Amino acid sequence: MDVHVPVAITRALRRSGIDVLTAQEDGTAEIDDADLIDRAGELGRVIFTRDRDFIVEAVQRQRDNTAFATVIYGHQLQVSIGRCVEDLLLIASALQANEATGQIIFLPL
C-alpha cells in the first residue's frame, strides 16, 4: 500500500486474509514513487495507490518497456473505500503471481 491509502482499506483486506504491507510498515513512506514501485517489484508485490503520480511513472515504464510492479489505482474522490476493498479482493483472488508485473489496473473494475 502506498502511503496515501486510508488505513480502513488495509484493515478490511487484512480481515479478509489478504497479505498487505504498507509503505509505513516497510519503512518506505518517504521515498519517491519510482523507488516505491521498484521496491514493490523487489518484494514481488503489486502496489495500490490513490496518487495519480504513480500512473505517470507506470505509463512511462510501459512506454520504455521497463519491467515494474503492477500498479492498481483508485481515485481518491471517485472510488469509495468500500468499492476499493471489493475490487482489491477480486483482484487478489484472480491475479496470479506471474501476472503481477507491468500492468496498470484502474478501479473501479
N, C-alpha and C. Protein backbone atom coordinates (compact mmCIF):
# COMPACT_ATOMS: atom_id res chain seq x y z
N MET A 1 0.82 -1.18 0.00
CA MET A 1 0.00 0.00 0.00
C MET A 1 0.87 1.25 0.00
N ASP A 2 0.53 2.15 -0.87
CA ASP A 2 1.17 3.45 -0.89
C ASP A 2 0.80 4.20 0.39
N VAL A 3 1.57 5.19 0.72
CA VAL A 3 1.38 5.95 1.94
C VAL A 3 0.03 6.69 1.96
N HIS A 4 -0.55 6.96 0.81
CA HIS A 4 -1.80 7.72 0.72
C HIS A 4 -3.06 6.88 0.89
N VAL A 5 -2.93 5.59 1.07
CA VAL A 5 -4.09 4.70 1.16
C VAL A 5 -4.67 4.76 2.57
N PRO A 6 -5.98 4.99 2.68
CA PRO A 6 -6.61 5.02 4.00
C PRO A 6 -6.44 3.68 4.73
N VAL A 7 -6.19 3.77 6.02
CA VAL A 7 -5.98 2.57 6.85
C VAL A 7 -7.20 1.65 6.82
N ALA A 8 -8.39 2.19 6.58
CA ALA A 8 -9.60 1.37 6.53
C ALA A 8 -9.52 0.33 5.42
N ILE A 9 -8.88 0.66 4.31
CA ILE A 9 -8.73 -0.29 3.20
C ILE A 9 -7.78 -1.41 3.62
N THR A 10 -6.66 -1.03 4.21
CA THR A 10 -5.69 -2.02 4.67
C THR A 10 -6.32 -2.97 5.67
N ARG A 11 -7.02 -2.43 6.64
CA ARG A 11 -7.65 -3.27 7.68
C ARG A 11 -8.68 -4.22 7.11
N ALA A 12 -9.51 -3.73 6.19
CA ALA A 12 -10.55 -4.58 5.59
C ALA A 12 -9.92 -5.73 4.80
N LEU A 13 -8.87 -5.45 4.06
CA LEU A 13 -8.20 -6.50 3.30
C LEU A 13 -7.57 -7.53 4.23
N ARG A 14 -6.95 -7.06 5.28
CA ARG A 14 -6.33 -7.99 6.23
C ARG A 14 -7.37 -8.85 6.92
N ARG A 15 -8.52 -8.28 7.25
CA ARG A 15 -9.60 -9.07 7.86
C ARG A 15 -10.07 -10.18 6.92
N SER A 16 -9.89 -9.95 5.63
CA SER A 16 -10.28 -10.95 4.63
C SER A 16 -9.15 -11.91 4.30
N GLY A 17 -8.04 -11.80 5.02
CA GLY A 17 -6.94 -12.74 4.83
C GLY A 17 -5.91 -12.34 3.78
N ILE A 18 -5.96 -11.12 3.29
CA ILE A 18 -5.01 -10.67 2.28
C ILE A 18 -3.74 -10.18 2.97
N ASP A 19 -2.59 -10.60 2.45
CA ASP A 19 -1.30 -10.19 2.97
C ASP A 19 -0.99 -8.80 2.44
N VAL A 20 -1.07 -7.81 3.31
CA VAL A 20 -0.87 -6.41 2.92
C VAL A 20 0.35 -5.87 3.66
N LEU A 21 1.16 -5.13 2.93
CA LEU A 21 2.31 -4.44 3.51
C LEU A 21 2.18 -2.97 3.14
N THR A 22 2.17 -2.11 4.14
CA THR A 22 2.09 -0.67 3.86
C THR A 22 3.48 -0.08 3.71
N ALA A 23 3.56 1.03 3.02
CA ALA A 23 4.84 1.74 2.88
C ALA A 23 5.37 2.12 4.26
N GLN A 24 4.48 2.49 5.16
CA GLN A 24 4.90 2.87 6.50
C GLN A 24 5.55 1.69 7.21
N GLU A 25 4.95 0.51 7.12
CA GLU A 25 5.49 -0.69 7.76
C GLU A 25 6.82 -1.10 7.14
N ASP A 26 6.97 -0.85 5.86
CA ASP A 26 8.18 -1.24 5.15
C ASP A 26 9.30 -0.20 5.29
N GLY A 27 8.99 0.92 5.92
CA GLY A 27 9.98 1.98 6.09
C GLY A 27 10.25 2.76 4.82
N THR A 28 9.28 2.72 3.89
CA THR A 28 9.47 3.39 2.61
C THR A 28 8.45 4.51 2.38
N ALA A 29 7.87 5.02 3.44
CA ALA A 29 6.84 6.05 3.33
C ALA A 29 7.37 7.36 2.77
N GLU A 30 8.66 7.58 2.86
CA GLU A 30 9.24 8.86 2.46
C GLU A 30 9.95 8.80 1.10
N ILE A 31 9.98 7.65 0.45
CA ILE A 31 10.70 7.56 -0.83
C ILE A 31 9.80 7.99 -1.98
N ASP A 32 10.41 8.31 -3.11
CA ASP A 32 9.61 8.78 -4.25
C ASP A 32 8.87 7.62 -4.92
N ASP A 33 7.93 7.98 -5.77
CA ASP A 33 7.06 6.99 -6.40
C ASP A 33 7.84 5.93 -7.19
N ALA A 34 8.83 6.37 -7.96
CA ALA A 34 9.61 5.44 -8.77
C ALA A 34 10.29 4.39 -7.89
N ASP A 35 10.87 4.85 -6.79
CA ASP A 35 11.54 3.92 -5.89
C ASP A 35 10.55 2.99 -5.19
N LEU A 36 9.35 3.50 -4.90
CA LEU A 36 8.34 2.65 -4.25
C LEU A 36 7.84 1.57 -5.22
N ILE A 37 7.69 1.92 -6.47
CA ILE A 37 7.32 0.92 -7.47
C ILE A 37 8.43 -0.14 -7.58
N ASP A 38 9.67 0.32 -7.59
CA ASP A 38 10.80 -0.61 -7.63
C ASP A 38 10.80 -1.52 -6.40
N ARG A 39 10.54 -0.96 -5.24
CA ARG A 39 10.52 -1.75 -4.00
C ARG A 39 9.42 -2.81 -4.07
N ALA A 40 8.24 -2.45 -4.54
CA ALA A 40 7.16 -3.42 -4.68
C ALA A 40 7.60 -4.56 -5.60
N GLY A 41 8.28 -4.22 -6.68
CA GLY A 41 8.78 -5.24 -7.59
C GLY A 41 9.81 -6.15 -6.94
N GLU A 42 10.70 -5.57 -6.14
CA GLU A 42 11.70 -6.37 -5.43
C GLU A 42 11.04 -7.37 -4.49
N LEU A 43 9.93 -6.96 -3.91
CA LEU A 43 9.21 -7.82 -2.96
C LEU A 43 8.22 -8.76 -3.65
N GLY A 44 8.06 -8.62 -4.98
CA GLY A 44 7.12 -9.46 -5.71
C GLY A 44 5.67 -9.12 -5.40
N ARG A 45 5.40 -7.85 -5.16
CA ARG A 45 4.06 -7.41 -4.80
C ARG A 45 3.52 -6.42 -5.83
N VAL A 46 2.22 -6.27 -5.83
CA VAL A 46 1.59 -5.18 -6.57
C VAL A 46 1.54 -4.00 -5.61
N ILE A 47 1.29 -2.81 -6.15
CA ILE A 47 1.15 -1.65 -5.29
C ILE A 47 -0.18 -0.97 -5.57
N PHE A 48 -0.92 -0.69 -4.50
CA PHE A 48 -2.18 0.03 -4.61
C PHE A 48 -1.94 1.46 -4.17
N THR A 49 -2.46 2.38 -4.96
CA THR A 49 -2.29 3.80 -4.67
C THR A 49 -3.55 4.58 -5.01
N ARG A 50 -3.65 5.73 -4.42
CA ARG A 50 -4.70 6.69 -4.76
C ARG A 50 -4.04 7.99 -5.23
N ASP A 51 -2.77 7.91 -5.58
CA ASP A 51 -1.95 9.03 -6.00
C ASP A 51 -1.74 8.95 -7.52
N ARG A 52 -2.23 9.93 -8.25
CA ARG A 52 -2.16 9.94 -9.71
C ARG A 52 -0.74 9.92 -10.27
N ASP A 53 0.22 10.42 -9.50
CA ASP A 53 1.61 10.46 -9.97
C ASP A 53 2.15 9.06 -10.28
N PHE A 54 1.63 8.05 -9.61
CA PHE A 54 2.05 6.68 -9.88
C PHE A 54 1.69 6.27 -11.30
N ILE A 55 0.57 6.75 -11.79
CA ILE A 55 0.13 6.41 -13.14
C ILE A 55 1.14 6.96 -14.16
N VAL A 56 1.58 8.18 -13.95
CA VAL A 56 2.57 8.78 -14.85
C VAL A 56 3.83 7.91 -14.91
N GLU A 57 4.30 7.51 -13.75
CA GLU A 57 5.51 6.67 -13.68
C GLU A 57 5.28 5.32 -14.36
N ALA A 58 4.15 4.69 -14.08
CA ALA A 58 3.87 3.37 -14.66
C ALA A 58 3.71 3.44 -16.18
N VAL A 59 3.03 4.47 -16.67
CA VAL A 59 2.85 4.63 -18.11
C VAL A 59 4.20 4.83 -18.79
N GLN A 60 5.07 5.63 -18.18
CA GLN A 60 6.39 5.84 -18.77
C GLN A 60 7.17 4.53 -18.83
N ARG A 61 7.04 3.71 -17.79
CA ARG A 61 7.74 2.42 -17.80
C ARG A 61 7.17 1.50 -18.87
N GLN A 62 5.86 1.54 -19.08
CA GLN A 62 5.28 0.73 -20.16
C GLN A 62 5.82 1.19 -21.51
N ARG A 63 5.86 2.49 -21.71
CA ARG A 63 6.36 3.04 -22.98
C ARG A 63 7.81 2.67 -23.23
N ASP A 64 8.59 2.67 -22.14
CA ASP A 64 10.02 2.34 -22.24
C ASP A 64 10.28 0.84 -22.22
N ASN A 65 9.20 0.06 -22.09
CA ASN A 65 9.31 -1.40 -22.00
C ASN A 65 10.21 -1.81 -20.83
N THR A 66 10.02 -1.10 -19.70
CA THR A 66 10.77 -1.36 -18.47
C THR A 66 9.89 -2.14 -17.50
N ALA A 67 10.41 -3.20 -16.96
CA ALA A 67 9.64 -4.02 -16.01
C ALA A 67 9.30 -3.21 -14.76
N PHE A 68 8.12 -3.45 -14.22
CA PHE A 68 7.71 -2.79 -12.98
C PHE A 68 6.59 -3.58 -12.31
N ALA A 69 6.45 -3.35 -11.02
CA ALA A 69 5.36 -3.99 -10.28
C ALA A 69 4.03 -3.43 -10.76
N THR A 70 3.03 -4.28 -10.86
CA THR A 70 1.71 -3.82 -11.25
C THR A 70 1.23 -2.74 -10.30
N VAL A 71 0.65 -1.69 -10.88
CA VAL A 71 0.11 -0.57 -10.11
C VAL A 71 -1.41 -0.63 -10.21
N ILE A 72 -2.06 -0.60 -9.07
CA ILE A 72 -3.52 -0.54 -9.02
C ILE A 72 -3.88 0.84 -8.49
N TYR A 73 -4.74 1.54 -9.22
CA TYR A 73 -5.08 2.93 -8.88
C TYR A 73 -6.58 3.10 -8.68
N GLY A 74 -6.92 3.73 -7.57
CA GLY A 74 -8.30 4.11 -7.29
C GLY A 74 -8.35 5.57 -6.92
N HIS A 75 -9.02 6.38 -7.72
CA HIS A 75 -9.09 7.82 -7.49
C HIS A 75 -9.68 8.11 -6.11
N GLN A 76 -9.09 9.07 -5.41
CA GLN A 76 -9.50 9.37 -4.04
C GLN A 76 -10.95 9.83 -3.92
N LEU A 77 -11.43 10.57 -4.89
CA LEU A 77 -12.78 11.12 -4.80
C LEU A 77 -13.82 10.33 -5.58
N GLN A 78 -13.38 9.53 -6.53
CA GLN A 78 -14.32 8.84 -7.41
C GLN A 78 -14.55 7.38 -7.06
N VAL A 79 -13.71 6.81 -6.21
CA VAL A 79 -13.85 5.40 -5.85
C VAL A 79 -13.89 5.31 -4.32
N SER A 80 -15.00 4.85 -3.80
CA SER A 80 -15.18 4.78 -2.35
C SER A 80 -14.25 3.74 -1.73
N ILE A 81 -14.07 3.86 -0.44
CA ILE A 81 -13.25 2.88 0.29
C ILE A 81 -13.85 1.49 0.13
N GLY A 82 -15.16 1.37 0.27
CA GLY A 82 -15.81 0.07 0.12
C GLY A 82 -15.60 -0.53 -1.24
N ARG A 83 -15.71 0.29 -2.27
CA ARG A 83 -15.51 -0.21 -3.64
C ARG A 83 -14.06 -0.63 -3.86
N CYS A 84 -13.12 0.15 -3.29
CA CYS A 84 -11.71 -0.24 -3.38
C CYS A 84 -11.50 -1.62 -2.77
N VAL A 85 -12.07 -1.82 -1.59
CA VAL A 85 -11.90 -3.11 -0.91
C VAL A 85 -12.49 -4.23 -1.75
N GLU A 86 -13.69 -4.05 -2.25
CA GLU A 86 -14.33 -5.09 -3.07
C GLU A 86 -13.48 -5.44 -4.29
N ASP A 87 -13.02 -4.42 -4.99
CA ASP A 87 -12.25 -4.65 -6.21
C ASP A 87 -10.87 -5.25 -5.90
N LEU A 88 -10.24 -4.79 -4.83
CA LEU A 88 -8.94 -5.34 -4.46
C LEU A 88 -9.05 -6.80 -4.04
N LEU A 89 -10.13 -7.16 -3.38
CA LEU A 89 -10.36 -8.57 -3.03
C LEU A 89 -10.52 -9.41 -4.30
N LEU A 90 -11.25 -8.89 -5.26
CA LEU A 90 -11.43 -9.60 -6.52
C LEU A 90 -10.10 -9.77 -7.25
N ILE A 91 -9.31 -8.71 -7.30
CA ILE A 91 -8.00 -8.79 -7.95
C ILE A 91 -7.11 -9.80 -7.23
N ALA A 92 -7.10 -9.75 -5.90
CA ALA A 92 -6.26 -10.67 -5.13
C ALA A 92 -6.64 -12.13 -5.37
N SER A 93 -7.91 -12.38 -5.61
CA SER A 93 -8.35 -13.75 -5.84
C SER A 93 -8.07 -14.22 -7.27
N ALA A 94 -7.91 -13.27 -8.19
CA ALA A 94 -7.77 -13.64 -9.60
C ALA A 94 -6.36 -13.49 -10.17
N LEU A 95 -5.56 -12.59 -9.61
CA LEU A 95 -4.24 -12.30 -10.16
C LEU A 95 -3.24 -13.35 -9.72
N GLN A 96 -2.60 -13.98 -10.67
CA GLN A 96 -1.54 -14.94 -10.38
C GLN A 96 -0.22 -14.21 -10.20
N ALA A 97 0.69 -14.78 -9.43
CA ALA A 97 1.96 -14.12 -9.14
C ALA A 97 2.72 -13.74 -10.41
N ASN A 98 2.67 -14.60 -11.42
CA ASN A 98 3.40 -14.31 -12.66
C ASN A 98 2.73 -13.23 -13.50
N GLU A 99 1.53 -12.83 -13.12
CA GLU A 99 0.82 -11.77 -13.82
C GLU A 99 0.96 -10.42 -13.12
N ALA A 100 1.68 -10.39 -12.03
CA ALA A 100 1.72 -9.20 -11.17
C ALA A 100 2.81 -8.20 -11.57
N THR A 101 3.11 -8.14 -12.85
CA THR A 101 4.09 -7.17 -13.30
C THR A 101 3.62 -6.47 -14.56
N GLY A 102 4.03 -5.22 -14.68
CA GLY A 102 3.83 -4.48 -15.91
C GLY A 102 2.41 -4.05 -16.24
N GLN A 103 1.51 -4.12 -15.29
CA GLN A 103 0.13 -3.75 -15.56
C GLN A 103 -0.24 -2.48 -14.79
N ILE A 104 -1.21 -1.75 -15.34
CA ILE A 104 -1.85 -0.66 -14.63
C ILE A 104 -3.32 -1.00 -14.59
N ILE A 105 -3.85 -1.14 -13.39
CA ILE A 105 -5.25 -1.51 -13.21
C ILE A 105 -5.97 -0.34 -12.55
N PHE A 106 -7.05 0.09 -13.18
CA PHE A 106 -7.83 1.21 -12.65
C PHE A 106 -9.08 0.70 -11.95
N LEU A 107 -9.36 1.26 -10.78
CA LEU A 107 -10.60 0.97 -10.06
C LEU A 107 -11.55 2.15 -10.30
N PRO A 108 -12.86 1.90 -10.39
CA PRO A 108 -13.50 0.59 -10.21
C PRO A 108 -13.30 -0.29 -11.43
N LEU A 109 -13.36 -1.61 -11.18
CA LEU A 109 -13.20 -2.58 -12.26
C LEU A 109 -14.39 -2.51 -13.19
